[in-house]
N, C-alpha and C. Protein backbone atom coordinates (compact mmCIF):
# COMPACT_ATOMS: atom_id res chain seq x y z
N UNK A 1 -35.72 -2.29 -46.66
CA UNK A 1 -35.21 -3.24 -45.47
C UNK A 1 -33.56 -2.84 -45.20
N UNK A 2 -33.29 -3.24 -43.47
CA UNK A 2 -31.86 -2.39 -43.47
C UNK A 2 -30.89 -3.91 -43.12
N UNK A 3 -29.40 -3.51 -43.87
CA UNK A 3 -28.96 -4.93 -44.09
C UNK A 3 -27.65 -4.46 -43.15
N UNK A 4 -27.51 -5.32 -41.98
CA UNK A 4 -26.26 -4.59 -41.02
C UNK A 4 -24.79 -5.04 -41.83
N UNK A 5 -25.17 -6.11 -42.20
CA UNK A 5 -23.55 -6.79 -42.58
C UNK A 5 -23.07 -5.49 -43.60
N UNK A 6 -24.26 -4.58 -44.01
CA UNK A 6 -23.41 -3.63 -45.15
C UNK A 6 -22.36 -2.47 -43.94
N UNK A 7 -23.28 -2.41 -42.77
CA UNK A 7 -22.50 -1.58 -42.02
C UNK A 7 -21.21 -1.89 -41.23
N UNK A 8 -20.91 -3.25 -41.44
CA UNK A 8 -20.39 -4.49 -40.54
C UNK A 8 -18.59 -3.75 -41.35
N UNK A 9 -18.47 -4.15 -42.11
CA UNK A 9 -17.19 -3.84 -42.98
C UNK A 9 -17.48 -2.59 -42.74
N UNK A 10 -18.09 -1.52 -42.97
CA UNK A 10 -17.45 -0.05 -42.31
C UNK A 10 -17.13 0.67 -41.09
N UNK A 11 -17.68 -0.47 -39.96
CA UNK A 11 -17.42 -0.01 -38.79
C UNK A 11 -16.06 -0.62 -38.57
N UNK A 12 -15.72 -2.06 -39.26
CA UNK A 12 -14.50 -2.47 -39.13
C UNK A 12 -13.49 -2.10 -39.16
N UNK A 13 -13.33 -1.27 -40.63
CA UNK A 13 -12.78 -0.21 -41.16
C UNK A 13 -12.24 0.74 -40.20
N UNK A 14 -13.17 1.66 -39.58
CA UNK A 14 -13.38 2.52 -38.94
C UNK A 14 -12.54 1.73 -37.29
N UNK A 15 -12.99 1.17 -36.59
CA UNK A 15 -11.77 0.73 -35.54
C UNK A 15 -11.10 0.07 -36.27
N UNK A 16 -10.40 -0.61 -37.08
CA UNK A 16 -8.90 -0.54 -37.88
C UNK A 16 -8.05 0.72 -37.48
N UNK A 17 -8.74 1.77 -38.12
CA UNK A 17 -8.09 3.02 -38.27
C UNK A 17 -8.21 3.94 -37.53
N UNK A 18 -9.16 3.68 -37.06
CA UNK A 18 -8.73 4.57 -34.92
C UNK A 18 -7.47 3.45 -33.99
N UNK A 19 -7.66 2.14 -34.07
CA UNK A 19 -7.20 1.02 -33.19
C UNK A 19 -5.65 1.90 -32.55
N UNK A 20 -4.70 2.18 -33.30
CA UNK A 20 -3.39 3.16 -33.14
C UNK A 20 -3.55 4.31 -32.45
N UNK A 21 -4.25 5.11 -32.88
CA UNK A 21 -5.07 6.74 -32.28
C UNK A 21 -5.52 6.31 -31.10
N UNK A 22 -6.39 5.11 -30.90
CA UNK A 22 -6.48 5.00 -29.36
C UNK A 22 -5.40 4.30 -28.70
N UNK A 23 -4.60 3.64 -28.83
CA UNK A 23 -3.65 2.66 -27.95
C UNK A 23 -1.96 3.22 -28.11
N UNK A 24 -1.98 4.76 -28.94
CA UNK A 24 0.10 4.81 -28.82
C UNK A 24 -0.78 6.37 -27.92
N UNK A 25 -1.82 6.58 -28.37
CA UNK A 25 -2.45 8.20 -27.69
C UNK A 25 -2.05 8.03 -26.25
N UNK A 26 -2.11 6.73 -25.32
CA UNK A 26 -2.25 6.48 -24.12
C UNK A 26 -1.55 7.47 -23.35
N UNK A 27 -1.96 8.76 -22.72
CA UNK A 27 -0.97 10.06 -22.12
C UNK A 27 -1.52 9.68 -20.45
N UNK A 28 -0.55 9.62 -19.71
CA UNK A 28 -0.15 9.38 -18.48
C UNK A 28 -0.25 10.47 -17.77
N UNK A 29 -1.10 11.11 -16.71
CA UNK A 29 -1.31 11.89 -16.21
C UNK A 29 -0.37 11.77 -15.38
N UNK A 30 0.18 13.24 -14.62
CA UNK A 30 1.58 13.05 -13.60
C UNK A 30 2.49 13.46 -13.72
N UNK A 31 3.52 13.77 -13.12
CA UNK A 31 4.79 14.59 -13.00
C UNK A 31 5.95 14.11 -12.95
N UNK A 32 6.56 13.95 -13.78
CA UNK A 32 7.95 12.83 -13.81
C UNK A 32 9.17 13.08 -12.99
N UNK A 33 9.10 14.68 -12.79
CA UNK A 33 10.13 14.47 -11.72
C UNK A 33 10.05 14.16 -10.46
N UNK A 34 8.69 14.64 -9.57
CA UNK A 34 8.48 13.86 -8.71
C UNK A 34 8.39 12.74 -8.64
N UNK A 35 8.14 12.03 -9.72
CA UNK A 35 8.28 10.89 -10.08
C UNK A 35 9.16 9.68 -9.52
N UNK A 36 10.28 10.58 -10.01
CA UNK A 36 11.52 10.03 -9.78
C UNK A 36 12.11 10.45 -8.31
N UNK A 37 11.58 11.30 -8.14
CA UNK A 37 11.77 11.37 -6.23
C UNK A 37 11.46 10.29 -5.71
N UNK A 38 9.96 10.08 -5.62
CA UNK A 38 9.30 8.71 -5.05
C UNK A 38 9.96 7.48 -5.77
N UNK A 39 10.37 7.46 -6.55
CA UNK A 39 10.64 6.12 -7.18
C UNK A 39 12.35 6.03 -6.23
N UNK A 40 13.01 7.28 -6.48
CA UNK A 40 14.40 7.13 -5.89
C UNK A 40 14.30 6.34 -4.02
N UNK A 41 12.83 7.02 -3.69
CA UNK A 41 12.92 6.71 -2.26
C UNK A 41 11.99 5.61 -1.80
N UNK A 42 11.34 5.03 -2.31
CA UNK A 42 10.49 4.28 -2.30
C UNK A 42 10.25 2.47 -3.66
N UNK A 43 10.85 2.91 -4.50
CA UNK A 43 10.94 1.56 -5.27
C UNK A 43 12.68 0.96 -5.94
N UNK A 44 13.53 1.76 -5.51
CA UNK A 44 14.97 1.93 -6.23
C UNK A 44 15.38 0.48 -5.44
N UNK A 45 15.25 0.09 -4.46
CA UNK A 45 15.66 -0.87 -3.62
C UNK A 45 15.26 -2.58 -4.32
N UNK A 46 13.84 -2.31 -5.24
CA UNK A 46 13.23 -3.41 -5.23
C UNK A 46 13.46 -3.36 -6.73
N UNK A 47 13.60 -2.78 -7.50
CA UNK A 47 13.62 -2.23 -9.30
C UNK A 47 14.52 -1.92 -9.72
N UNK A 48 15.33 -1.51 -8.47
CA UNK A 48 16.34 -1.20 -9.60
C UNK A 48 16.48 0.66 -10.18
N UNK A 49 17.79 1.10 -9.67
CA UNK A 49 17.79 2.99 -10.42
C UNK A 49 17.30 2.59 -11.58
N UNK A 50 16.96 1.35 -12.69
CA UNK A 50 16.72 2.30 -13.99
C UNK A 50 15.61 1.21 -14.05
N UNK A 51 15.03 0.60 -13.16
CA UNK A 51 13.95 -0.37 -13.33
C UNK A 51 13.13 -1.56 -14.38
N UNK A 52 14.82 -2.12 -14.06
CA UNK A 52 15.13 -3.65 -14.70
C UNK A 52 14.94 -3.99 -13.75
N UNK A 53 14.24 -4.09 -12.36
CA UNK A 53 14.25 -5.28 -11.53
C UNK A 53 15.53 -5.77 -10.96
N UNK A 54 16.35 -4.62 -10.81
CA UNK A 54 17.79 -5.33 -10.45
C UNK A 54 18.09 -4.51 -8.71
N UNK A 55 17.18 -4.28 -7.99
CA UNK A 55 17.66 -3.20 -6.56
C UNK A 55 18.32 -4.03 -5.96
N UNK A 56 19.10 -3.70 -4.88
CA UNK A 56 19.89 -4.71 -3.88
C UNK A 56 18.96 -5.30 -2.92
N UNK A 57 17.98 -4.92 -2.99
CA UNK A 57 17.05 -6.10 -2.24
C UNK A 57 16.72 -7.14 -2.50
N UNK A 58 16.76 -7.81 -4.12
CA UNK A 58 16.16 -8.27 -4.46
C UNK A 58 17.01 -10.24 -4.13
N UNK A 59 17.84 -9.54 -3.42
CA UNK A 59 18.72 -10.70 -3.14
C UNK A 59 18.26 -11.58 -1.68
N UNK A 60 17.52 -10.81 -1.48
CA UNK A 60 16.22 -10.57 -0.18
C UNK A 60 14.93 -11.76 -0.37
N UNK A 61 14.97 -11.62 -1.77
CA UNK A 61 13.18 -11.50 -2.66
C UNK A 61 13.04 -13.30 -2.93
N UNK A 62 12.14 -14.16 -2.72
CA UNK A 62 12.23 -15.32 -3.39
C UNK A 62 11.28 -15.22 -4.60
N UNK A 63 10.52 -14.18 -4.82
CA UNK A 63 9.85 -13.40 -5.89
C UNK A 63 10.06 -12.53 -6.77
N UNK A 64 10.87 -12.38 -7.52
CA UNK A 64 11.42 -10.86 -8.34
C UNK A 64 10.84 -10.42 -8.71
N UNK A 65 11.16 -8.40 -8.19
CA UNK A 65 10.59 -7.37 -8.91
C UNK A 65 10.12 -7.17 -10.30
N UNK A 66 9.35 -6.55 -10.93
CA UNK A 66 9.43 -7.08 -12.40
C UNK A 66 10.26 -5.70 -12.67
N UNK A 67 10.32 -6.53 -13.89
CA UNK A 67 11.48 -5.64 -14.92
C UNK A 67 10.72 -4.65 -15.37
N UNK A 68 10.47 -3.11 -15.63
CA UNK A 68 9.62 -2.20 -16.41
C UNK A 68 9.80 -2.70 -17.89
N UNK A 69 11.75 -3.03 -18.25
CA UNK A 69 11.84 -2.50 -19.46
C UNK A 69 11.58 -4.24 -20.58
N UNK A 70 10.72 -5.42 -19.41
CA UNK A 70 10.34 -6.58 -20.46
C UNK A 70 9.27 -6.51 -21.24
N UNK A 71 9.08 -7.18 -21.87
CA UNK A 71 7.85 -7.81 -22.62
C UNK A 71 6.32 -7.32 -22.10
N UNK A 72 6.59 -7.57 -20.92
CA UNK A 72 5.72 -8.41 -20.47
C UNK A 72 5.15 -6.51 -19.56
N UNK A 73 5.57 -6.10 -19.08
CA UNK A 73 5.49 -4.81 -17.88
C UNK A 73 5.61 -3.84 -19.12
N UNK A 74 6.05 -3.54 -20.33
CA UNK A 74 5.82 -2.62 -21.43
C UNK A 74 5.06 -2.41 -22.14
N UNK A 75 4.23 -3.88 -22.29
CA UNK A 75 2.92 -3.86 -23.06
C UNK A 75 1.72 -3.64 -22.17
N UNK A 76 1.78 -3.97 -20.47
CA UNK A 76 0.94 -3.29 -19.80
C UNK A 76 0.08 -1.95 -19.78
N UNK A 77 -1.26 -2.05 -20.18
CA UNK A 77 -1.88 -0.37 -20.18
C UNK A 77 -1.53 0.37 -18.23
N UNK A 78 -1.14 1.54 -18.65
CA UNK A 78 -0.88 2.31 -17.54
C UNK A 78 -2.14 1.71 -16.59
N UNK A 79 -3.79 1.34 -16.74
CA UNK A 79 -4.84 1.03 -16.25
C UNK A 79 -4.17 -0.03 -14.95
N UNK A 80 -3.51 -1.22 -15.83
CA UNK A 80 -2.79 -2.48 -15.34
C UNK A 80 -1.80 -2.29 -14.34
N UNK A 81 -0.96 -1.00 -14.45
CA UNK A 81 0.40 -0.28 -13.79
C UNK A 81 0.19 -0.08 -12.72
N UNK A 82 -0.79 1.20 -12.80
CA UNK A 82 -1.65 1.52 -11.72
C UNK A 82 -2.48 0.33 -10.92
N UNK A 83 -3.57 0.15 -11.10
CA UNK A 83 -3.74 -0.63 -10.34
C UNK A 83 -2.78 -2.18 -9.51
N UNK A 84 -1.80 -2.05 -10.17
CA UNK A 84 -0.80 -2.93 -9.07
C UNK A 84 -0.01 -1.88 -8.39
N UNK A 85 0.82 -0.74 -8.40
CA UNK A 85 1.05 0.22 -7.73
C UNK A 85 0.01 0.79 -6.56
N UNK A 86 -0.93 0.38 -6.93
CA UNK A 86 -1.99 1.07 -5.51
C UNK A 86 -2.90 0.04 -4.92
N UNK A 87 -2.79 -1.33 -5.51
CA UNK A 87 -3.38 -2.43 -4.56
C UNK A 87 -1.89 -4.10 -4.57
N UNK A 88 -1.17 -3.38 -4.99
CA UNK A 88 0.32 -4.76 -5.21
C UNK A 88 -0.33 -5.45 -6.23
N UNK A 89 0.93 -6.44 -6.05
CA UNK A 89 0.31 -7.85 -6.78
C UNK A 89 0.57 -9.23 -5.97
N UNK A 90 -0.56 -10.01 -5.88
CA UNK A 90 -0.58 -11.18 -5.31
C UNK A 90 0.32 -11.96 -5.52
N UNK A 91 0.59 -12.90 -4.53
CA UNK A 91 1.77 -13.75 -4.39
C UNK A 91 3.64 -13.09 -4.87
N UNK A 92 3.45 -11.98 -4.47
CA UNK A 92 4.86 -11.07 -4.53
C UNK A 92 4.62 -10.20 -3.72
N UNK A 93 6.32 -10.14 -3.32
CA UNK A 93 6.46 -8.81 -2.64
C UNK A 93 6.11 -7.51 -2.68
N UNK A 94 5.12 -7.22 -4.05
CA UNK A 94 5.14 -5.11 -4.35
C UNK A 94 3.57 -5.69 -3.20
N UNK A 95 3.71 -4.60 -2.32
CA UNK A 95 2.48 -4.15 -1.57
C UNK A 95 1.59 -2.89 -2.18
N UNK A 96 1.00 -2.95 -2.05
CA UNK A 96 0.39 -1.59 -2.51
C UNK A 96 0.65 -0.33 -1.81
N UNK A 97 0.89 0.61 -2.45
CA UNK A 97 1.00 1.77 -1.88
C UNK A 97 0.00 3.14 -1.96
N UNK A 98 -1.57 2.52 -1.87
CA UNK A 98 -2.66 3.13 -1.87
C UNK A 98 -2.56 4.16 -0.14
N UNK A 99 -2.01 3.30 0.68
CA UNK A 99 -2.25 4.55 2.21
C UNK A 99 -1.02 4.30 2.21
N UNK A 100 0.78 4.79 1.71
CA UNK A 100 1.69 5.68 1.44
C UNK A 100 1.52 7.05 0.42
N UNK A 101 1.02 6.42 -0.59
CA UNK A 101 1.09 7.64 -1.38
C UNK A 101 -0.13 7.83 -2.13
N UNK A 102 -0.40 9.68 -2.18
CA UNK A 102 -1.36 9.77 -2.95
C UNK A 102 -1.86 9.48 -4.03
N UNK A 103 -2.85 9.43 -4.82
CA UNK A 103 -3.13 8.93 -5.98
C UNK A 103 -2.29 9.93 -7.76
N UNK A 104 -2.26 10.85 -6.87
CA UNK A 104 -1.17 11.93 -7.84
C UNK A 104 0.12 11.70 -7.44
N UNK A 105 0.32 11.53 -6.70
CA UNK A 105 2.12 10.67 -6.24
C UNK A 105 2.30 9.10 -6.49
N UNK A 106 1.26 8.26 -6.54
CA UNK A 106 1.25 7.55 -7.66
C UNK A 106 1.59 7.51 -8.92
N UNK A 107 0.40 8.61 -9.65
CA UNK A 107 0.68 8.75 -10.90
C UNK A 107 1.83 9.02 -11.51
N UNK A 108 2.75 10.28 -10.46
CA UNK A 108 3.89 10.69 -10.80
C UNK A 108 4.85 9.47 -11.01
N UNK A 109 4.94 8.10 -10.16
CA UNK A 109 5.91 6.81 -10.24
C UNK A 109 5.16 6.84 -11.53
N UNK A 110 4.39 6.13 -12.00
CA UNK A 110 3.90 5.82 -13.43
C UNK A 110 5.00 6.46 -14.50
N UNK A 111 4.28 7.70 -14.39
CA UNK A 111 4.87 8.98 -15.31
C UNK A 111 6.58 8.62 -15.72
N UNK A 112 6.86 8.81 -14.64
CA UNK A 112 8.14 8.54 -14.43
C UNK A 112 8.95 6.56 -15.06
N UNK A 113 8.11 5.88 -14.33
CA UNK A 113 8.17 4.55 -15.09
C UNK A 113 8.03 3.91 -16.55
N UNK A 114 6.94 5.49 -17.26
CA UNK A 114 7.30 4.94 -18.44
C UNK A 114 8.18 5.93 -19.23
N UNK A 115 9.35 6.42 -18.69
CA UNK A 115 10.05 7.50 -19.45
C UNK A 115 11.14 6.33 -19.46
N UNK A 116 11.37 5.78 -18.05
CA UNK A 116 12.34 4.84 -17.92
C UNK A 116 11.72 3.56 -19.40
N UNK A 117 10.64 2.98 -19.42
CA UNK A 117 10.22 2.00 -20.18
C UNK A 117 8.85 2.51 -20.69
N UNK A 118 9.04 2.67 -22.32
CA UNK A 118 7.89 3.67 -22.85
C UNK A 118 6.59 2.34 -23.21
N UNK A 119 6.25 2.49 -23.21
CA UNK A 119 4.53 1.40 -23.48
C UNK A 119 4.70 1.14 -24.77
N UNK A 120 4.82 0.17 -25.37
CA UNK A 120 4.65 -0.60 -26.13
C UNK A 120 3.93 -1.77 -26.18
N UNK A 121 2.55 -1.64 -26.43
CA UNK A 121 0.80 -2.98 -26.57
C UNK A 121 1.93 -3.97 -27.85
N UNK A 122 2.67 -3.51 -28.29
CA UNK A 122 2.96 -4.24 -30.04
C UNK A 122 4.16 -5.41 -29.53
N UNK A 123 4.55 -5.13 -28.54
CA UNK A 123 6.31 -5.36 -28.11
C UNK A 123 5.58 -7.42 -27.94
N UNK A 124 4.56 -7.44 -26.87
CA UNK A 124 4.20 -8.89 -26.66
C UNK A 124 3.79 -9.37 -27.80
N UNK A 125 2.95 -8.63 -28.84
CA UNK A 125 2.51 -10.04 -30.04
C UNK A 125 3.59 -9.57 -31.06
N UNK A 126 4.69 -8.59 -31.75
CA UNK A 126 5.91 -9.39 -32.39
C UNK A 126 6.88 -8.47 -31.21
N UNK A 127 7.51 -9.68 -30.77
CA UNK A 127 9.22 -9.21 -30.55
C UNK A 127 9.72 -8.59 -30.87
N UNK A 128 10.06 -9.38 -32.13
CA UNK A 128 10.61 -8.76 -33.26
C UNK A 128 10.91 -6.87 -33.38
N UNK A 129 9.80 -6.53 -32.91
CA UNK A 129 9.77 -4.83 -33.03
C UNK A 129 10.43 -4.16 -32.13
N UNK A 130 10.76 -4.68 -31.12
CA UNK A 130 11.71 -4.56 -29.50
C UNK A 130 12.88 -3.96 -29.87
N UNK A 131 13.21 -3.41 -29.94
CA UNK A 131 14.60 -2.89 -29.76
C UNK A 131 15.80 -3.74 -28.33
N UNK A 132 16.48 -3.98 -28.25
CA UNK A 132 17.16 -4.55 -27.27
C UNK A 132 18.44 -3.93 -26.93
N UNK A 133 18.79 -3.97 -25.99
CA UNK A 133 20.02 -3.17 -25.79
C UNK A 133 20.68 -2.65 -24.79
């Protein structure tokens, strides 16, 4: 007789062991040098030169731009960030860039953002693991 519960423990073990590999191996395509050029041309006025959401145009905005160094932003997946870059964010001044930047250029920007503020999925769950400074 087939006993599915026998395999449940083994499957759980495999998933627990593979999870860090799947999460931390998130490789972003794109060219960060080109991303920096595009970021400085299109994004810096809102997001600031270091991506802290402190660009000069923030004084005119009711909704402040994302600070890429925040726990919320750093714990977003590449897919989530790419969706916002492509389509914009509802109820915010962040508009989509799909009409102005090619998909490759949007990946370049995302790659540069990840250099400014690396992906950290655990930061949201365990803020004590996040270095401040």
